[in-house]
Amino acid sequence: MTFTPVQHTTIDPYPHISAPQVIDLLVQILKFPLDGVPDEQNVILVFKEAYEILYTYMIGKSRKNALYFAKYIEFFQTQFTQKVCLLVGLS
């Protein structure tokens, strides 16, 4: 009896989503207002995760991703004073 190993293939579950599209989606999430949200703590957790993912993209070696972020510089500057202070408890 011979043993034939099963070959596993890796299938990308999201082959149609590019890094710029992920960045765009995360920025859209971060544009969600916090004021008056009944489940604010859970929304803040989502924001924290979104910022973590964006940070990971920024520290990567991709110049293309870094250049893509440039179109959101103004948005991120306003977010620092509005939401990041809330996220880290500086309010």
PDB file of N, CA and C in Angstrom:
ATOM      1  N   MET A   1       0.847  -1.173   0.000  1.00  0.00           N
ATOM      2  CA  MET A   1       0.000   0.000   0.000  1.00  0.00           C
ATOM      3  C   MET A   1       0.892   1.234   0.000  1.00  0.00           C
ATOM      4  N   THR A   2       0.631   2.165  -0.884  1.00  0.00           N
ATOM      5  CA  THR A   2       1.409   3.396  -0.942  1.00  0.00           C
ATOM      6  C   THR A   2       0.547   4.556  -0.468  1.00  0.00           C
ATOM      7  N   PHE A   3       1.204   5.494   0.148  1.00  0.00           N
ATOM      8  CA  PHE A   3       0.526   6.681   0.658  1.00  0.00           C
ATOM      9  C   PHE A   3       0.756   7.832  -0.302  1.00  0.00           C
ATOM     10  N   THR A   4      -0.302   8.427  -0.764  1.00  0.00           N
ATOM     11  CA  THR A   4      -0.211   9.581  -1.640  1.00  0.00           C
ATOM     12  C   THR A   4      -0.663  10.802  -0.853  1.00  0.00           C
ATOM     13  N   PRO A   5       0.262  11.735  -0.571  1.00  0.00           N
ATOM     14  CA  PRO A   5      -0.130  12.920   0.199  1.00  0.00           C
ATOM     15  C   PRO A   5      -1.102  13.801  -0.589  1.00  0.00           C
ATOM     16  N   VAL A   6      -1.998  14.396   0.137  1.00  0.00           N
ATOM     17  CA  VAL A   6      -2.957  15.314  -0.468  1.00  0.00           C
ATOM     18  C   VAL A   6      -2.288  16.668  -0.632  1.00  0.00           C
ATOM     19  N   GLN A   7      -2.388  17.207  -1.812  1.00  0.00           N
ATOM     20  CA  GLN A   7      -1.812  18.521  -2.050  1.00  0.00           C
ATOM     21  C   GLN A   7      -2.848  19.579  -1.693  1.00  0.00           C
ATOM     22  N   HIS A   8      -2.417  20.497  -0.850  1.00  0.00           N
ATOM     23  CA  HIS A   8      -3.302  21.585  -0.453  1.00  0.00           C
ATOM     24  C   HIS A   8      -2.958  22.819  -1.271  1.00  0.00           C
ATOM     25  N   THR A   9      -3.984  23.472  -1.714  1.00  0.00           N
ATOM     26  CA  THR A   9      -3.765  24.718  -2.432  1.00  0.00           C
ATOM     27  C   THR A   9      -4.281  25.860  -1.581  1.00  0.00           C
ATOM     28  N   THR A  10      -3.590  26.948  -1.636  1.00  0.00           N
ATOM     29  CA  THR A  10      -4.021  28.126  -0.910  1.00  0.00           C
ATOM     30  C   THR A  10      -4.916  28.941  -1.817  1.00  0.00           C
ATOM     31  N   ILE A  11      -6.105  29.210  -1.335  1.00  0.00           N
ATOM     32  CA  ILE A  11      -7.057  30.001  -2.105  1.00  0.00           C
ATOM     33  C   ILE A  11      -7.266  31.312  -1.369  1.00  0.00           C
ATOM     34  N   ASP A  12      -7.006  32.383  -2.057  1.00  0.00           N
ATOM     35  CA  ASP A  12      -7.217  33.702  -1.479  1.00  0.00           C
ATOM     36  C   ASP A  12      -8.715  33.963  -1.434  1.00  0.00           C
ATOM     37  N   PRO A  13      -9.298  34.137  -0.229  1.00  0.00           N
ATOM     38  CA  PRO A  13     -10.742  34.342  -0.163  1.00  0.00           C
ATOM     39  C   PRO A  13     -11.202  35.688  -0.721  1.00  0.00           C
ATOM     40  N   TYR A  14     -10.285  36.640  -0.848  1.00  0.00           N
ATOM     41  CA  TYR A  14     -10.634  37.965  -1.370  1.00  0.00           C
ATOM     42  C   TYR A  14      -9.667  38.376  -2.477  1.00  0.00           C
ATOM     43  N   PRO A  15      -9.630  37.626  -3.561  1.00  0.00           N
ATOM     44  CA  PRO A  15      -8.654  37.939  -4.607  1.00  0.00           C
ATOM     45  C   PRO A  15      -8.948  39.245  -5.335  1.00  0.00           C
ATOM     46  N   HIS A  16     -10.144  39.753  -5.199  1.00  0.00           N
ATOM     47  CA  HIS A  16     -10.537  40.944  -5.936  1.00  0.00           C
ATOM     48  C   HIS A  16     -10.376  42.232  -5.136  1.00  0.00           C
ATOM     49  N   ILE A  17      -9.878  42.157  -3.900  1.00  0.00           N
ATOM     50  CA  ILE A  17      -9.726  43.343  -3.073  1.00  0.00           C
ATOM     51  C   ILE A  17      -8.241  43.724  -3.009  1.00  0.00           C
ATOM     52  N   SER A  18      -7.932  44.908  -3.485  1.00  0.00           N
ATOM     53  CA  SER A  18      -6.545  45.374  -3.476  1.00  0.00           C
ATOM     54  C   SER A  18      -6.276  46.184  -2.213  1.00  0.00           C
ATOM     55  N   ALA A  19      -5.009  46.425  -1.945  1.00  0.00           N
ATOM     56  CA  ALA A  19      -4.632  47.224  -0.768  1.00  0.00           C
ATOM     57  C   ALA A  19      -5.278  48.605  -0.790  1.00  0.00           C
ATOM     58  N   PRO A  20      -5.272  49.321  -1.922  1.00  0.00           N
ATOM     59  CA  PRO A  20      -5.946  50.624  -1.927  1.00  0.00           C
ATOM     60  C   PRO A  20      -7.444  50.522  -1.615  1.00  0.00           C
ATOM     61  N   GLN A  21      -8.079  49.449  -2.043  1.00  0.00           N
ATOM     62  CA  GLN A  21      -9.499  49.282  -1.741  1.00  0.00           C
ATOM     63  C   GLN A  21      -9.712  49.042  -0.250  1.00  0.00           C
ATOM     64  N   VAL A  22      -8.816  48.296   0.374  1.00  0.00           N
ATOM     65  CA  VAL A  22      -8.900  48.069   1.816  1.00  0.00           C
ATOM     66  C   VAL A  22      -8.733  49.392   2.552  1.00  0.00           C
ATOM     67  N   ILE A  23      -7.768  50.182   2.123  1.00  0.00           N
ATOM     68  CA  ILE A  23      -7.539  51.498   2.736  1.00  0.00           C
ATOM     69  C   ILE A  23      -8.788  52.360   2.597  1.00  0.00           C
ATOM     70  N   ASP A  24      -9.382  52.392   1.405  1.00  0.00           N
ATOM     71  CA  ASP A  24     -10.601  53.175   1.178  1.00  0.00           C
ATOM     72  C   ASP A  24     -11.736  52.715   2.101  1.00  0.00           C
ATOM     73  N   LEU A  25     -11.914  51.407   2.230  1.00  0.00           N
ATOM     74  CA  LEU A  25     -12.978  50.873   3.077  1.00  0.00           C
ATOM     75  C   LEU A  25     -12.759  51.230   4.546  1.00  0.00           C
ATOM     76  N   LEU A  26     -11.527  51.124   5.009  1.00  0.00           N
ATOM     77  CA  LEU A  26     -11.234  51.454   6.399  1.00  0.00           C
ATOM     78  C   LEU A  26     -11.445  52.942   6.681  1.00  0.00           C
ATOM     79  N   VAL A  27     -11.076  53.782   5.737  1.00  0.00           N
ATOM     80  CA  VAL A  27     -11.294  55.217   5.913  1.00  0.00           C
ATOM     81  C   VAL A  27     -12.798  55.510   5.959  1.00  0.00           C
ATOM     82  N   GLN A  28     -13.577  54.828   5.132  1.00  0.00           N
ATOM     83  CA  GLN A  28     -15.027  55.023   5.173  1.00  0.00           C
ATOM     84  C   GLN A  28     -15.592  54.624   6.534  1.00  0.00           C
ATOM     85  N   ILE A  29     -15.086  53.545   7.112  1.00  0.00           N
ATOM     86  CA  ILE A  29     -15.507  53.131   8.455  1.00  0.00           C
ATOM     87  C   ILE A  29     -15.151  54.203   9.470  1.00  0.00           C
ATOM     88  N   LEU A  30     -13.944  54.750   9.356  1.00  0.00           N
ATOM     89  CA  LEU A  30     -13.490  55.750  10.316  1.00  0.00           C
ATOM     90  C   LEU A  30     -14.247  57.077  10.193  1.00  0.00           C
ATOM     91  N   LYS A  31     -14.937  57.278   9.098  1.00  0.00           N
ATOM     92  CA  LYS A  31     -15.745  58.492   8.930  1.00  0.00           C
ATOM     93  C   LYS A  31     -17.082  58.396   9.659  1.00  0.00           C
ATOM     94  N   PHE A  32     -17.396  57.226  10.166  1.00  0.00           N
ATOM     95  CA  PHE A  32     -18.640  57.035  10.909  1.00  0.00           C
ATOM     96  C   PHE A  32     -18.605  57.888  12.170  1.00  0.00           C
ATOM     97  N   PRO A  33     -19.658  58.672  12.428  1.00  0.00           N
ATOM     98  CA  PRO A  33     -19.636  59.552  13.602  1.00  0.00           C
ATOM     99  C   PRO A  33     -19.792  58.772  14.909  1.00  0.00           C
ATOM    100  N   LEU A  34     -19.108  59.244  15.938  1.00  0.00           N
ATOM    101  CA  LEU A  34     -19.205  58.618  17.259  1.00  0.00           C
ATOM    102  C   LEU A  34     -20.295  59.251  18.109  1.00  0.00           C
ATOM    103  N   ASP A  35     -20.635  60.481  17.840  1.00  0.00           N
ATOM    104  CA  ASP A  35     -21.613  61.200  18.658  1.00  0.00           C
ATOM    105  C   ASP A  35     -22.989  60.550  18.565  1.00  0.00           C
ATOM    106  N   GLY A  36     -23.554  60.246  19.720  1.00  0.00           N
ATOM    107  CA  GLY A  36     -24.906  59.720  19.776  1.00  0.00           C
ATOM    108  C   GLY A  36     -25.061  58.265  19.387  1.00  0.00           C
ATOM    109  N   VAL A  37     -23.970  57.545  19.263  1.00  0.00           N
ATOM    110  CA  VAL A  37     -24.038  56.131  18.916  1.00  0.00           C
ATOM    111  C   VAL A  37     -24.381  55.349  20.186  1.00  0.00           C
ATOM    112  N   PRO A  38     -25.459  54.544  20.151  1.00  0.00           N
ATOM    113  CA  PRO A  38     -25.848  53.831  21.369  1.00  0.00           C
ATOM    114  C   PRO A  38     -24.825  52.792  21.826  1.00  0.00           C
ATOM    115  N   ASP A  39     -24.082  52.212  20.916  1.00  0.00           N
ATOM    116  CA  ASP A  39     -23.111  51.166  21.251  1.00  0.00           C
ATOM    117  C   ASP A  39     -21.690  51.697  21.036  1.00  0.00           C
ATOM    118  N   GLU A  40     -21.406  52.822  21.637  1.00  0.00           N
ATOM    119  CA  GLU A  40     -20.157  53.542  21.394  1.00  0.00           C
ATOM    120  C   GLU A  40     -18.915  52.707  21.673  1.00  0.00           C
ATOM    121  N   GLN A  41     -18.914  51.921  22.732  1.00  0.00           N
ATOM    122  CA  GLN A  41     -17.723  51.135  23.088  1.00  0.00           C
ATOM    123  C   GLN A  41     -17.360  50.145  21.985  1.00  0.00           C
ATOM    124  N   ASN A  42     -18.361  49.505  21.381  1.00  0.00           N
ATOM    125  CA  ASN A  42     -18.076  48.565  20.295  1.00  0.00           C
ATOM    126  C   ASN A  42     -17.590  49.288  19.041  1.00  0.00           C
ATOM    127  N   VAL A  43     -18.138  50.457  18.777  1.00  0.00           N
ATOM    128  CA  VAL A  43     -17.683  51.240  17.619  1.00  0.00           C
ATOM    129  C   VAL A  43     -16.232  51.660  17.832  1.00  0.00           C
ATOM    130  N   ILE A  44     -15.887  52.040  19.050  1.00  0.00           N
ATOM    131  CA  ILE A  44     -14.507  52.412  19.356  1.00  0.00           C
ATOM    132  C   ILE A  44     -13.572  51.235  19.137  1.00  0.00           C
ATOM    133  N   LEU A  45     -13.990  50.032  19.497  1.00  0.00           N
ATOM    134  CA  LEU A  45     -13.166  48.842  19.244  1.00  0.00           C
ATOM    135  C   LEU A  45     -12.947  48.619  17.751  1.00  0.00           C
ATOM    136  N   VAL A  46     -13.989  48.860  16.957  1.00  0.00           N
ATOM    137  CA  VAL A  46     -13.857  48.738  15.495  1.00  0.00           C
ATOM    138  C   VAL A  46     -12.872  49.775  14.976  1.00  0.00           C
ATOM    139  N   PHE A  47     -12.960  51.018  15.489  1.00  0.00           N
ATOM    140  CA  PHE A  47     -12.029  52.067  15.076  1.00  0.00           C
ATOM    141  C   PHE A  47     -10.589  51.692  15.420  1.00  0.00           C
ATOM    142  N   LYS A  48     -10.380  51.161  16.609  1.00  0.00           N
ATOM    143  CA  LYS A  48      -9.024  50.764  17.010  1.00  0.00           C
ATOM    144  C   LYS A  48      -8.455  49.730  16.052  1.00  0.00           C
ATOM    145  N   GLU A  49      -9.262  48.731  15.702  1.00  0.00           N
ATOM    146  CA  GLU A  49      -8.801  47.701  14.770  1.00  0.00           C
ATOM    147  C   GLU A  49      -8.522  48.277  13.392  1.00  0.00           C
ATOM    148  N   ALA A  50      -9.359  49.210  12.956  1.00  0.00           N
ATOM    149  CA  ALA A  50      -9.141  49.846  11.654  1.00  0.00           C
ATOM    150  C   ALA A  50      -7.824  50.609  11.648  1.00  0.00           C
ATOM    151  N   TYR A  51      -7.549  51.342  12.738  1.00  0.00           N
ATOM    152  CA  TYR A  51      -6.277  52.069  12.824  1.00  0.00           C
ATOM    153  C   TYR A  51      -5.090  51.108  12.879  1.00  0.00           C
ATOM    154  N   GLU A  52      -5.253  49.969  13.539  1.00  0.00           N
ATOM    155  CA  GLU A  52      -4.175  48.969  13.582  1.00  0.00           C
ATOM    156  C   GLU A  52      -3.855  48.447  12.184  1.00  0.00           C
ATOM    157  N   ILE A  53      -4.881  48.161  11.413  1.00  0.00           N
ATOM    158  CA  ILE A  53      -4.684  47.657  10.050  1.00  0.00           C
ATOM    159  C   ILE A  53      -4.027  48.733   9.190  1.00  0.00           C
ATOM    160  N   LEU A  54      -4.506  49.960   9.297  1.00  0.00           N
ATOM    161  CA  LEU A  54      -3.903  51.052   8.526  1.00  0.00           C
ATOM    162  C   LEU A  54      -2.450  51.263   8.921  1.00  0.00           C
ATOM    163  N   TYR A  55      -2.153  51.159  10.199  1.00  0.00           N
ATOM    164  CA  TYR A  55      -0.773  51.290  10.669  1.00  0.00           C
ATOM    165  C   TYR A  55       0.103  50.201  10.051  1.00  0.00           C
ATOM    166  N   THR A  56      -0.420  48.988  10.001  1.00  0.00           N
ATOM    167  CA  THR A  56       0.321  47.875   9.406  1.00  0.00           C
ATOM    168  C   THR A  56       0.623  48.148   7.941  1.00  0.00           C
ATOM    169  N   TYR A  57      -0.351  48.696   7.219  1.00  0.00           N
ATOM    170  CA  TYR A  57      -0.114  49.052   5.826  1.00  0.00           C
ATOM    171  C   TYR A  57       0.964  50.135   5.719  1.00  0.00           C
ATOM    172  N   MET A  58       0.938  51.094   6.619  1.00  0.00           N
ATOM    173  CA  MET A  58       1.884  52.215   6.539  1.00  0.00           C
ATOM    174  C   MET A  58       3.317  51.801   6.863  1.00  0.00           C
ATOM    175  N   ILE A  59       3.516  50.880   7.797  1.00  0.00           N
ATOM    176  CA  ILE A  59       4.884  50.506   8.155  1.00  0.00           C
ATOM    177  C   ILE A  59       5.459  49.471   7.200  1.00  0.00           C
ATOM    178  N   GLY A  60       4.645  48.986   6.288  1.00  0.00           N
ATOM    179  CA  GLY A  60       5.129  48.030   5.294  1.00  0.00           C
ATOM    180  C   GLY A  60       6.105  48.689   4.339  1.00  0.00           C
ATOM    181  N   LYS A  61       6.693  47.898   3.496  1.00  0.00           N
ATOM    182  CA  LYS A  61       7.720  48.388   2.566  1.00  0.00           C
ATOM    183  C   LYS A  61       7.146  48.874   1.231  1.00  0.00           C
ATOM    184  N   SER A  62       5.823  48.974   1.130  1.00  0.00           N
ATOM    185  CA  SER A  62       5.210  49.339  -0.138  1.00  0.00           C
ATOM    186  C   SER A  62       5.144  50.856  -0.302  1.00  0.00           C
ATOM    187  N   ARG A  63       5.921  51.351  -1.223  1.00  0.00           N
ATOM    188  CA  ARG A  63       5.876  52.787  -1.529  1.00  0.00           C
ATOM    189  C   ARG A  63       4.533  53.146  -2.139  1.00  0.00           C
ATOM    190  N   LYS A  64       3.972  52.227  -2.902  1.00  0.00           N
ATOM    191  CA  LYS A  64       2.671  52.461  -3.536  1.00  0.00           C
ATOM    192  C   LYS A  64       1.590  52.696  -2.471  1.00  0.00           C
ATOM    193  N   ASN A  65       1.574  51.879  -1.426  1.00  0.00           N
ATOM    194  CA  ASN A  65       0.597  52.076  -0.351  1.00  0.00           C
ATOM    195  C   ASN A  65       0.830  53.408   0.355  1.00  0.00           C
ATOM    196  N   ALA A  66       2.081  53.717   0.622  1.00  0.00           N
ATOM    197  CA  ALA A  66       2.408  54.975   1.302  1.00  0.00           C
ATOM    198  C   ALA A  66       1.937  56.168   0.473  1.00  0.00           C
ATOM    199  N   LEU A  67       2.150  56.121  -0.815  1.00  0.00           N
ATOM    200  CA  LEU A  67       1.700  57.210  -1.680  1.00  0.00           C
ATOM    201  C   LEU A  67       0.174  57.281  -1.741  1.00  0.00           C
ATOM    202  N   TYR A  68      -0.470  56.131  -1.670  1.00  0.00           N
ATOM    203  CA  TYR A  68      -1.930  56.105  -1.701  1.00  0.00           C
ATOM    204  C   TYR A  68      -2.511  56.775  -0.453  1.00  0.00           C
ATOM    205  N   PHE A  69      -1.821  56.610   0.680  1.00  0.00           N
ATOM    206  CA  PHE A  69      -2.268  57.238   1.921  1.00  0.00           C
ATOM    207  C   PHE A  69      -2.262  58.767   1.833  1.00  0.00           C
ATOM    208  N   ALA A  70      -1.447  59.318   0.969  1.00  0.00           N
ATOM    209  CA  ALA A  70      -1.293  60.772   0.883  1.00  0.00           C
ATOM    210  C   ALA A  70      -2.623  61.482   0.644  1.00  0.00           C
ATOM    211  N   LYS A  71      -3.513  60.848  -0.082  1.00  0.00           N
ATOM    212  CA  LYS A  71      -4.801  61.511  -0.352  1.00  0.00           C
ATOM    213  C   LYS A  71      -5.672  61.617   0.897  1.00  0.00           C
ATOM    214  N   TYR A  72      -5.296  60.913   1.959  1.00  0.00           N
ATOM    215  CA  TYR A  72      -6.067  60.945   3.202  1.00  0.00           C
ATOM    216  C   TYR A  72      -5.362  61.705   4.331  1.00  0.00           C
ATOM    217  N   ILE A  73      -4.289  62.398   4.033  1.00  0.00           N
ATOM    218  CA  ILE A  73      -3.531  63.098   5.074  1.00  0.00           C
ATOM    219  C   ILE A  73      -4.415  64.075   5.847  1.00  0.00           C
ATOM    220  N   GLU A  74      -5.159  64.889   5.148  1.00  0.00           N
ATOM    221  CA  GLU A  74      -6.017  65.875   5.817  1.00  0.00           C
ATOM    222  C   GLU A  74      -7.057  65.189   6.705  1.00  0.00           C
ATOM    223  N   PHE A  75      -7.653  64.116   6.207  1.00  0.00           N
ATOM    224  CA  PHE A  75      -8.637  63.377   6.997  1.00  0.00           C
ATOM    225  C   PHE A  75      -8.007  62.842   8.287  1.00  0.00           C
ATOM    226  N   PHE A  76      -6.820  62.238   8.175  1.00  0.00           N
ATOM    227  CA  PHE A  76      -6.178  61.680   9.365  1.00  0.00           C
ATOM    228  C   PHE A  76      -5.792  62.766  10.367  1.00  0.00           C
ATOM    229  N   GLN A  77      -5.420  63.935   9.881  1.00  0.00           N
ATOM    230  CA  GLN A  77      -5.087  65.029  10.789  1.00  0.00           C
ATOM    231  C   GLN A  77      -6.304  65.462  11.596  1.00  0.00           C
ATOM    232  N   THR A  78      -7.469  65.524  10.977  1.00  0.00           N
ATOM    233  CA  THR A  78      -8.671  65.886  11.716  1.00  0.00           C
ATOM    234  C   THR A  78      -9.092  64.768  12.658  1.00  0.00           C
ATOM    235  N   GLN A  79      -8.857  63.530  12.262  1.00  0.00           N
ATOM    236  CA  GLN A  79      -9.236  62.397  13.098  1.00  0.00           C
ATOM    237  C   GLN A  79      -8.420  62.331  14.374  1.00  0.00           C
ATOM    238  N   PHE A  80      -7.188  62.774  14.299  1.00  0.00           N
ATOM    239  CA  PHE A  80      -6.353  62.703  15.501  1.00  0.00           C
ATOM    240  C   PHE A  80      -6.982  63.489  16.637  1.00  0.00           C
ATOM    241  N   THR A  81      -7.448  64.681  16.345  1.00  0.00           N
ATOM    242  CA  THR A  81      -8.023  65.495  17.415  1.00  0.00           C
ATOM    243  C   THR A  81      -9.418  65.024  17.795  1.00  0.00           C
ATOM    244  N   GLN A  82     -10.172  64.486  16.852  1.00  0.00           N
ATOM    245  CA  GLN A  82     -11.560  64.111  17.133  1.00  0.00           C
ATOM    246  C   GLN A  82     -11.690  62.725  17.763  1.00  0.00           C
ATOM    247  N   LYS A  83     -11.065  61.719  17.175  1.00  0.00           N
ATOM    248  CA  LYS A  83     -11.320  60.345  17.600  1.00  0.00           C
ATOM    249  C   LYS A  83     -10.148  59.688  18.319  1.00  0.00           C
ATOM    250  N   VAL A  84      -8.942  59.937  17.871  1.00  0.00           N
ATOM    251  CA  VAL A  84      -7.807  59.253  18.479  1.00  0.00           C
ATOM    252  C   VAL A  84      -7.699  59.623  19.954  1.00  0.00           C
ATOM    253  N   CYS A  85      -7.967  60.864  20.285  1.00  0.00           N
ATOM    254  CA  CYS A  85      -7.928  61.268  21.694  1.00  0.00           C
ATOM    255  C   CYS A  85      -8.957  60.491  22.494  1.00  0.00           C
ATOM    256  N   LEU A  86     -10.122  60.249  21.918  1.00  0.00           N
ATOM    257  CA  LEU A  86     -11.136  59.453  22.587  1.00  0.00           C
ATOM    258  C   LEU A  86     -10.693  57.996  22.726  1.00  0.00           C
ATOM    259  N   LEU A  87     -10.050  57.476  21.687  1.00  0.00           N
ATOM    260  CA  LEU A  87      -9.639  56.078  21.684  1.00  0.00           C
ATOM    261  C   LEU A  87      -8.594  55.779  22.755  1.00  0.00           C
ATOM    262  N   VAL A  88      -7.718  56.736  22.990  1.00  0.00           N
ATOM    263  CA  VAL A  88      -6.675  56.507  23.978  1.00  0.00           C
ATOM    264  C   VAL A  88      -6.998  57.160  25.322  1.00  0.00           C
ATOM    265  N   GLY A  89      -8.172  57.737  25.428  1.00  0.00           N
ATOM    266  CA  GLY A  89      -8.618  58.301  26.695  1.00  0.00           C
ATOM    267  C   GLY A  89      -8.050  59.664  27.036  1.00  0.00           C
ATOM    268  N   LEU A  90      -7.762  60.471  26.029  1.00  0.00           N
ATOM    269  CA  LEU A  90      -7.199  61.796  26.263  1.00  0.00           C
ATOM    270  C   LEU A  90      -8.243  62.902  26.263  1.00  0.00           C
ATOM    271  N   SER A  91      -9.504  62.545  26.197  1.00  0.00           N
ATOM    272  CA  SER A  91     -10.554  63.572  26.064  1.00  0.00           C
ATOM    273  C   SER A  91     -10.749  64.413  27.275  1.00  0.00           C
TER     274      SER A  91
END
